[in-house]
């Protein structure tokens, strides 16, 4: 469209467009067919498409979404390419899923792997940096599980699908508080201060010698744990 063809008072072009009015009746048929194609595709790609998506399933979903846009808006584009694209996406997804069940290395390559964010009441800062999880993000997740300090946590896994899995400690020990640092009044109300010193960065327990860096992360600041 040329610049001289654009007029702000051209309401027919703005609302109806440059297509014949009969095309909008055709759109109803196109939407019906595309809806059936998507429903069948989602069904063939498995139940996980209705829950949290893996990387491969997200790629398949984006591919299908990109394919359906053009035929819905362009009268000169047919519906057959959508069916072909859907068949290819389903075939690739089924093939990768089948091969991944036979090869753990392929599954890790295509789906990702879980990461232990917290191990034995201590933040694993190196792995957190690799997966892009900050301390506050990890603490926020722990607070959502009603965790008050790291001493209550045995493991916190960051799953390949992007969700978290918490395993609590059977024997709770004093640990680094996960509440916001500014909320000291509430912290004192729900927990007691312990004599145990922990690294302020990762929660690793330390001896009374604060001049020795944290053996886990190299941090040099220690605070009293809570219980």
C-alpha atoms as a PDB file:
ATOM      1  CA  UNK A   1       0.000   0.000   0.000  1.00  0.00           C
ATOM      2  CA  UNK A   2       1.294   3.414  -0.961  1.00  0.00           C
ATOM      3  CA  UNK A   3       1.486   6.338   1.457  1.00  0.00           C
ATOM      4  CA  UNK A   4      -1.032   8.381  -0.555  1.00  0.00           C
ATOM      5  CA  UNK A   5      -3.596   5.572  -0.159  1.00  0.00           C
ATOM      6  CA  UNK A   6      -3.703   6.005   3.632  1.00  0.00           C
ATOM      7  CA  UNK A   7      -6.419   8.370   4.894  1.00  0.00           C
ATOM      8  CA  UNK A   8      -7.483   8.691   8.537  1.00  0.00           C
ATOM      9  CA  UNK A   9     -11.153   9.027   7.583  1.00  0.00           C
ATOM     10  CA  UNK A  10     -11.147   5.882   5.445  1.00  0.00           C
ATOM     11  CA  UNK A  11     -13.285   3.912   7.892  1.00  0.00           C
ATOM     12  CA  UNK A  12     -14.008   1.069   5.490  1.00  0.00           C
ATOM     13  CA  UNK A  13     -10.289   0.351   5.059  1.00  0.00           C
ATOM     14  CA  UNK A  14      -9.648   0.664   8.823  1.00  0.00           C
ATOM     15  CA  UNK A  15     -12.450  -1.676   9.944  1.00  0.00           C
ATOM     16  CA  UNK A  16     -13.187  -3.890   6.926  1.00  0.00           C
ATOM     17  CA  UNK A  17      -9.852  -3.818   5.100  1.00  0.00           C
ATOM     18  CA  UNK A  18      -9.184  -4.161   1.382  1.00  0.00           C
ATOM     19  CA  UNK A  19     -10.738  -7.627   1.051  1.00  0.00           C
ATOM     20  CA  UNK A  20     -14.235  -8.328  -0.339  1.00  0.00           C
ATOM     21  CA  UNK A  21     -16.995  -8.605   2.213  1.00  0.00           C
ATOM     22  CA  UNK A  22     -17.613 -12.227   1.245  1.00  0.00           C
ATOM     23  CA  UNK A  23     -14.186 -13.143   2.620  1.00  0.00           C
ATOM     24  CA  UNK A  24     -15.504 -12.716   6.158  1.00  0.00           C
ATOM     25  CA  UNK A  25     -18.005 -15.512   5.562  1.00  0.00           C
ATOM     26  CA  UNK A  26     -15.116 -17.620   4.306  1.00  0.00           C
ATOM     27  CA  UNK A  27     -13.176 -16.816   7.494  1.00  0.00           C
ATOM     28  CA  UNK A  28     -15.818 -18.686   9.490  1.00  0.00           C
ATOM     29  CA  UNK A  29     -15.073 -21.842   7.516  1.00  0.00           C
ATOM     30  CA  UNK A  30     -11.323 -21.258   7.782  1.00  0.00           C
ATOM     31  CA  UNK A  31     -11.526 -20.840  11.562  1.00  0.00           C
ATOM     32  CA  UNK A  32     -13.604 -24.006  11.890  1.00  0.00           C
ATOM     33  CA  UNK A  33     -11.102 -26.075   9.875  1.00  0.00           C
ATOM     34  CA  UNK A  34      -8.062 -24.552  11.646  1.00  0.00           C
ATOM     35  CA  UNK A  35      -9.704 -25.175  15.029  1.00  0.00           C
ATOM     36  CA  UNK A  36     -10.117 -28.855  14.151  1.00  0.00           C
ATOM     37  CA  UNK A  37      -6.505 -29.073  12.935  1.00  0.00           C
ATOM     38  CA  UNK A  38      -5.210 -27.531  16.179  1.00  0.00           C
ATOM     39  CA  UNK A  39      -7.432 -29.728  18.361  1.00  0.00           C
ATOM     40  CA  UNK A  40      -6.267 -32.898  16.592  1.00  0.00           C
ATOM     41  CA  UNK A  41      -2.642 -31.722  16.711  1.00  0.00           C
ATOM     42  CA  UNK A  42      -2.808 -31.022  20.454  1.00  0.00           C
ATOM     43  CA  UNK A  43      -4.415 -34.422  21.014  1.00  0.00           C
ATOM     44  CA  UNK A  44      -1.730 -36.249  19.021  1.00  0.00           C
ATOM     45  CA  UNK A  45       1.115 -34.409  20.771  1.00  0.00           C
ATOM     46  CA  UNK A  46       0.028 -35.764  24.148  1.00  0.00           C
ATOM     47  CA  UNK A  47      -1.402 -34.714  27.496  1.00  0.00           C
ATOM     48  CA  UNK A  48       1.581 -32.500  28.362  1.00  0.00           C
ATOM     49  CA  UNK A  49       0.338 -29.944  25.814  1.00  0.00           C
ATOM     50  CA  UNK A  50      -2.523 -29.268  28.244  1.00  0.00           C
ATOM     51  CA  UNK A  51      -0.151 -28.825  31.187  1.00  0.00           C
ATOM     52  CA  UNK A  52       3.264 -27.248  31.530  1.00  0.00           C
ATOM     53  CA  UNK A  53       5.096 -27.340  28.209  1.00  0.00           C
ATOM     54  CA  UNK A  54       8.574 -28.677  27.634  1.00  0.00           C
ATOM     55  CA  UNK A  55      10.965 -26.984  25.213  1.00  0.00           C
ATOM     56  CA  UNK A  56       9.982 -29.181  22.278  1.00  0.00           C
ATOM     57  CA  UNK A  57       6.279 -28.763  22.922  1.00  0.00           C
ATOM     58  CA  UNK A  58       6.664 -24.994  23.233  1.00  0.00           C
ATOM     59  CA  UNK A  59       8.491 -24.919  19.881  1.00  0.00           C
ATOM     60  CA  UNK A  60       5.669 -26.979  18.351  1.00  0.00           C
ATOM     61  CA  UNK A  61       3.048 -24.649  19.793  1.00  0.00           C
ATOM     62  CA  UNK A  62       4.818 -21.539  18.455  1.00  0.00           C
ATOM     63  CA  UNK A  63       5.183 -23.164  15.028  1.00  0.00           C
ATOM     64  CA  UNK A  64       1.464 -23.940  14.866  1.00  0.00           C
ATOM     65  CA  UNK A  65       0.570 -20.431  16.062  1.00  0.00           C
ATOM     66  CA  UNK A  66       2.758 -18.883  13.358  1.00  0.00           C
ATOM     67  CA  UNK A  67       1.224 -21.121  10.693  1.00  0.00           C
ATOM     68  CA  UNK A  68      -2.429 -20.280  11.370  1.00  0.00           C
ATOM     69  CA  UNK A  69      -2.090 -16.487  11.326  1.00  0.00           C
ATOM     70  CA  UNK A  70      -1.573 -15.898   7.602  1.00  0.00           C
ATOM     71  CA  UNK A  71      -4.453 -18.035   6.185  1.00  0.00           C
ATOM     72  CA  UNK A  72      -6.892 -16.359   8.572  1.00  0.00           C
ATOM     73  CA  UNK A  73      -6.056 -12.894   7.270  1.00  0.00           C
ATOM     74  CA  UNK A  74      -5.028 -13.419   3.637  1.00  0.00           C
ATOM     75  CA  UNK A  75      -7.676 -14.598   1.159  1.00  0.00           C
ATOM     76  CA  UNK A  76      -4.969 -15.667  -1.303  1.00  0.00           C
ATOM     77  CA  UNK A  77      -3.494 -18.214   1.141  1.00  0.00           C
ATOM     78  CA  UNK A  78      -4.983 -21.677   1.438  1.00  0.00           C
ATOM     79  CA  UNK A  79      -5.537 -23.903   4.478  1.00  0.00           C
ATOM     80  CA  UNK A  80      -3.595 -26.890   3.134  1.00  0.00           C
ATOM     81  CA  UNK A  81      -0.170 -25.494   4.245  1.00  0.00           C
ATOM     82  CA  UNK A  82      -1.454 -25.464   7.847  1.00  0.00           C
ATOM     83  CA  UNK A  83      -2.287 -29.148   7.653  1.00  0.00           C
ATOM     84  CA  UNK A  84       1.151 -29.915   6.196  1.00  0.00           C
ATOM     85  CA  UNK A  85       2.918 -27.848   8.884  1.00  0.00           C
ATOM     86  CA  UNK A  86       0.862 -29.487  11.642  1.00  0.00           C
ATOM     87  CA  UNK A  87       1.721 -32.954  10.322  1.00  0.00           C
ATOM     88  CA  UNK A  88       5.436 -32.097  10.239  1.00  0.00           C
ATOM     89  CA  UNK A  89       5.390 -30.605  13.748  1.00  0.00           C
ATOM     90  CA  UNK A  90       3.561 -33.636  15.161  1.00  0.00           C
ATOM     91  CA  UNK A  91       5.919 -36.064  13.428  1.00  0.00           C
ATOM     92  CA  UNK A  92       9.032 -34.301  14.728  1.00  0.00           C
ATOM     93  CA  UNK A  93       7.624 -34.048  18.257  1.00  0.00           C
ATOM     94  CA  UNK A  94       6.642 -37.727  18.300  1.00  0.00           C
ATOM     95  CA  UNK A  95      10.042 -38.772  16.899  1.00  0.00           C
ATOM     96  CA  UNK A  96      12.006 -36.745  19.460  1.00  0.00           C
ATOM     97  CA  UNK A  97       9.817 -38.043  22.301  1.00  0.00           C
ATOM     98  CA  UNK A  98      10.312 -41.638  21.141  1.00  0.00           C
ATOM     99  CA  UNK A  99      14.101 -41.287  20.850  1.00  0.00           C
ATOM    100  CA  UNK A 100      14.341 -39.443  24.178  1.00  0.00           C
ATOM    101  CA  UNK A 101      12.736 -42.372  26.003  1.00  0.00           C
ATOM    102  CA  UNK A 102      15.548 -44.609  24.731  1.00  0.00           C
ATOM    103  CA  UNK A 103      18.464 -42.226  25.324  1.00  0.00           C
ATOM    104  CA  UNK A 104      18.884 -40.251  28.545  1.00  0.00           C
ATOM    105  CA  UNK A 105      21.595 -38.074  26.970  1.00  0.00           C
ATOM    106  CA  UNK A 106      19.237 -37.109  24.141  1.00  0.00           C
ATOM    107  CA  UNK A 107      16.486 -36.398  26.640  1.00  0.00           C
ATOM    108  CA  UNK A 108      18.820 -34.119  28.603  1.00  0.00           C
ATOM    109  CA  UNK A 109      19.907 -32.391  25.378  1.00  0.00           C
ATOM    110  CA  UNK A 110      16.368 -31.725  24.159  1.00  0.00           C
ATOM    111  CA  UNK A 111      14.411 -31.364  27.403  1.00  0.00           C
ATOM    112  CA  UNK A 112      17.063 -29.995  29.766  1.00  0.00           C
ATOM    113  CA  UNK A 113      17.957 -31.334  33.200  1.00  0.00           C
ATOM    114  CA  UNK A 114      17.042 -30.556  36.782  1.00  0.00           C
ATOM    115  CA  UNK A 115      19.318 -28.414  38.952  1.00  0.00           C
ATOM    116  CA  UNK A 116      19.701 -28.542  42.736  1.00  0.00           C
ATOM    117  CA  UNK A 117      19.281 -24.924  43.843  1.00  0.00           C
ATOM    118  CA  UNK A 118      19.558 -25.785  47.552  1.00  0.00           C
ATOM    119  CA  UNK A 119      21.587 -28.701  48.871  1.00  0.00           C
ATOM    120  CA  UNK A 120      21.656 -29.572  52.576  1.00  0.00           C
ATOM    121  CA  UNK A 121      20.357 -26.154  53.682  1.00  0.00           C
ATOM    122  CA  UNK A 122      22.890 -24.294  51.528  1.00  0.00           C
ATOM    123  CA  UNK A 123      22.413 -22.313  48.323  1.00  0.00           C
ATOM    124  CA  UNK A 124      24.313 -23.646  45.325  1.00  0.00           C
ATOM    125  CA  UNK A 125      25.291 -20.264  43.890  1.00  0.00           C
ATOM    126  CA  UNK A 126      27.336 -21.611  40.970  1.00  0.00           C
ATOM    127  CA  UNK A 127      24.440 -23.695  39.623  1.00  0.00           C
ATOM    128  CA  UNK A 128      22.007 -20.859  40.296  1.00  0.00           C
ATOM    129  CA  UNK A 129      24.122 -18.599  38.117  1.00  0.00           C
ATOM    130  CA  UNK A 130      24.160 -21.204  35.339  1.00  0.00           C
ATOM    131  CA  UNK A 131      20.362 -21.437  35.191  1.00  0.00           C
ATOM    132  CA  UNK A 132      19.729 -17.733  35.869  1.00  0.00           C
ATOM    133  CA  UNK A 133      18.062 -18.046  39.278  1.00  0.00           C
ATOM    134  CA  UNK A 134      18.794 -15.248  41.758  1.00  0.00           C
ATOM    135  CA  UNK A 135      18.854 -15.559  45.552  1.00  0.00           C
ATOM    136  CA  UNK A 136      15.661 -13.541  45.850  1.00  0.00           C
ATOM    137  CA  UNK A 137      13.926 -15.729  43.274  1.00  0.00           C
ATOM    138  CA  UNK A 138      14.919 -18.840  45.213  1.00  0.00           C
ATOM    139  CA  UNK A 139      13.877 -17.246  48.519  1.00  0.00           C
ATOM    140  CA  UNK A 140      10.536 -16.177  47.037  1.00  0.00           C
ATOM    141  CA  UNK A 141       9.889 -19.756  45.948  1.00  0.00           C
ATOM    142  CA  UNK A 142      10.763 -21.068  49.416  1.00  0.00           C
ATOM    143  CA  UNK A 143       8.474 -18.512  51.050  1.00  0.00           C
ATOM    144  CA  UNK A 144       5.641 -19.789  48.833  1.00  0.00           C
ATOM    145  CA  UNK A 145       6.166 -23.189  50.533  1.00  0.00           C
ATOM    146  CA  UNK A 146       5.971 -21.495  54.001  1.00  0.00           C
ATOM    147  CA  UNK A 147       9.715 -22.003  54.558  1.00  0.00           C
ATOM    148  CA  UNK A 148      11.212 -19.568  57.083  1.00  0.00           C
ATOM    149  CA  UNK A 149      14.908 -20.441  56.802  1.00  0.00           C
ATOM    150  CA  UNK A 150      17.251 -22.713  54.853  1.00  0.00           C
ATOM    151  CA  UNK A 151      17.633 -25.073  57.792  1.00  0.00           C
ATOM    152  CA  UNK A 152      14.209 -26.474  56.875  1.00  0.00           C
ATOM    153  CA  UNK A 153      15.323 -27.393  53.340  1.00  0.00           C
ATOM    154  CA  UNK A 154      17.070 -30.601  52.288  1.00  0.00           C
ATOM    155  CA  UNK A 155      16.764 -30.026  48.542  1.00  0.00           C
ATOM    156  CA  UNK A 156      15.177 -27.470  46.248  1.00  0.00           C
ATOM    157  CA  UNK A 157      15.211 -28.677  42.640  1.00  0.00           C
ATOM    158  CA  UNK A 158      14.716 -26.467  39.610  1.00  0.00           C
ATOM    159  CA  UNK A 159      13.079 -28.900  37.198  1.00  0.00           C
ATOM    160  CA  UNK A 160      13.695 -29.061  33.448  1.00  0.00           C
ATOM    161  CA  UNK A 161      10.116 -27.866  32.877  1.00  0.00           C
ATOM    162  CA  UNK A 162      10.702 -24.671  34.876  1.00  0.00           C
ATOM    163  CA  UNK A 163       8.854 -25.595  38.079  1.00  0.00           C
ATOM    164  CA  UNK A 164      10.347 -26.186  41.540  1.00  0.00           C
ATOM    165  CA  UNK A 165      10.337 -29.250  43.792  1.00  0.00           C
ATOM    166  CA  UNK A 166      10.961 -28.931  47.530  1.00  0.00           C
ATOM    167  CA  UNK A 167      12.200 -31.687  49.868  1.00  0.00           C
ATOM    168  CA  UNK A 168      12.168 -30.670  53.498  1.00  0.00           C
ATOM    169  CA  UNK A 169      14.695 -31.594  56.149  1.00  0.00           C
ATOM    170  CA  UNK A 170      13.552 -34.288  58.574  1.00  0.00           C
ATOM    171  CA  UNK A 171      15.767 -32.751  61.249  1.00  0.00           C
ATOM    172  CA  UNK A 172      15.463 -28.987  61.087  1.00  0.00           C
ATOM    173  CA  UNK A 173      18.641 -27.107  61.927  1.00  0.00           C
ATOM    174  CA  UNK A 174      19.302 -23.343  62.253  1.00  0.00           C
ATOM    175  CA  UNK A 175      19.720 -21.709  58.869  1.00  0.00           C
ATOM    176  CA  UNK A 176      19.847 -18.540  56.823  1.00  0.00           C
ATOM    177  CA  UNK A 177      16.497 -16.685  56.945  1.00  0.00           C
ATOM    178  CA  UNK A 178      14.611 -16.372  53.654  1.00  0.00           C
ATOM    179  CA  UNK A 179      12.362 -13.504  54.686  1.00  0.00           C
ATOM    180  CA  UNK A 180      13.146 -10.029  53.278  1.00  0.00           C
ATOM    181  CA  UNK A 181      15.997  -8.383  55.175  1.00  0.00           C
ATOM    182  CA  UNK A 182      13.901  -5.320  55.932  1.00  0.00           C
ATOM    183  CA  UNK A 183      11.143  -7.352  57.636  1.00  0.00           C
ATOM    184  CA  UNK A 184      13.136  -7.871  60.834  1.00  0.00           C
ATOM    185  CA  UNK A 185      10.169  -7.338  63.161  1.00  0.00           C
ATOM    186  CA  UNK A 186       8.226 -10.245  61.674  1.00  0.00           C
ATOM    187  CA  UNK A 187      11.395 -12.354  61.546  1.00  0.00           C
ATOM    188  CA  UNK A 188      11.902 -11.908  65.294  1.00  0.00           C
ATOM    189  CA  UNK A 189       8.255 -12.733  65.926  1.00  0.00           C
ATOM    190  CA  UNK A 190       8.255 -16.124  64.166  1.00  0.00           C
ATOM    191  CA  UNK A 191      11.786 -17.370  64.846  1.00  0.00           C
ATOM    192  CA  UNK A 192      14.605 -17.214  67.383  1.00  0.00           C
ATOM    193  CA  UNK A 193      18.160 -16.158  66.740  1.00  0.00           C
ATOM    194  CA  UNK A 194      20.689 -18.964  67.028  1.00  0.00           C
ATOM    195  CA  UNK A 195      24.326 -18.862  68.085  1.00  0.00           C
ATOM    196  CA  UNK A 196      25.223 -20.656  64.865  1.00  0.00           C
ATOM    197  CA  UNK A 197      26.928 -18.451  62.274  1.00  0.00           C
ATOM    198  CA  UNK A 198      26.072 -18.895  58.597  1.00  0.00           C
ATOM    199  CA  UNK A 199      27.338 -17.280  55.416  1.00  0.00           C
ATOM    200  CA  UNK A 200      25.111 -14.352  54.477  1.00  0.00           C
ATOM    201  CA  UNK A 201      25.404 -15.211  50.771  1.00  0.00           C
ATOM    202  CA  UNK A 202      24.748 -18.962  50.646  1.00  0.00           C
ATOM    203  CA  UNK A 203      23.814 -20.102  54.170  1.00  0.00           C
ATOM    204  CA  UNK A 204      26.825 -22.406  54.682  1.00  0.00           C
ATOM    205  CA  UNK A 205      27.462 -22.990  58.387  1.00  0.00           C
ATOM    206  CA  UNK A 206      30.689 -21.565  59.741  1.00  0.00           C
ATOM    207  CA  UNK A 207      32.769 -21.787  62.892  1.00  0.00           C
ATOM    208  CA  UNK A 208      33.375 -18.859  65.197  1.00  0.00           C
ATOM    209  CA  UNK A 209      36.356 -17.679  63.155  1.00  0.00           C
ATOM    210  CA  UNK A 210      34.759 -15.064  60.880  1.00  0.00           C
ATOM    211  CA  UNK A 211      38.089 -14.218  59.290  1.00  0.00           C
ATOM    212  CA  UNK A 212      37.997 -17.467  57.286  1.00  0.00           C
ATOM    213  CA  UNK A 213      36.071 -17.159  53.990  1.00  0.00           C
ATOM    214  CA  UNK A 214      33.037 -19.355  53.408  1.00  0.00           C
ATOM    215  CA  UNK A 215      34.207 -22.745  52.091  1.00  0.00           C
ATOM    216  CA  UNK A 216      31.197 -22.968  49.771  1.00  0.00           C
ATOM    217  CA  UNK A 217      31.096 -19.581  48.019  1.00  0.00           C
ATOM    218  CA  UNK A 218      34.053 -17.608  49.382  1.00  0.00           C
ATOM    219  CA  UNK A 219      31.826 -15.066  51.122  1.00  0.00           C
ATOM    220  CA  UNK A 220      33.279 -13.081  53.994  1.00  0.00           C
ATOM    221  CA  UNK A 221      30.119 -11.886  55.772  1.00  0.00           C
ATOM    222  CA  UNK A 222      28.474 -14.088  58.400  1.00  0.00           C
ATOM    223  CA  UNK A 223      25.281 -13.604  60.354  1.00  0.00           C
ATOM    224  CA  UNK A 224      23.504 -15.524  63.092  1.00  0.00           C
ATOM    225  CA  UNK A 225      21.167 -18.220  61.824  1.00  0.00           C
ATOM    226  CA  UNK A 226      17.553 -18.474  62.970  1.00  0.00           C
ATOM    227  CA  UNK A 227      15.667 -21.471  64.296  1.00  0.00           C
END
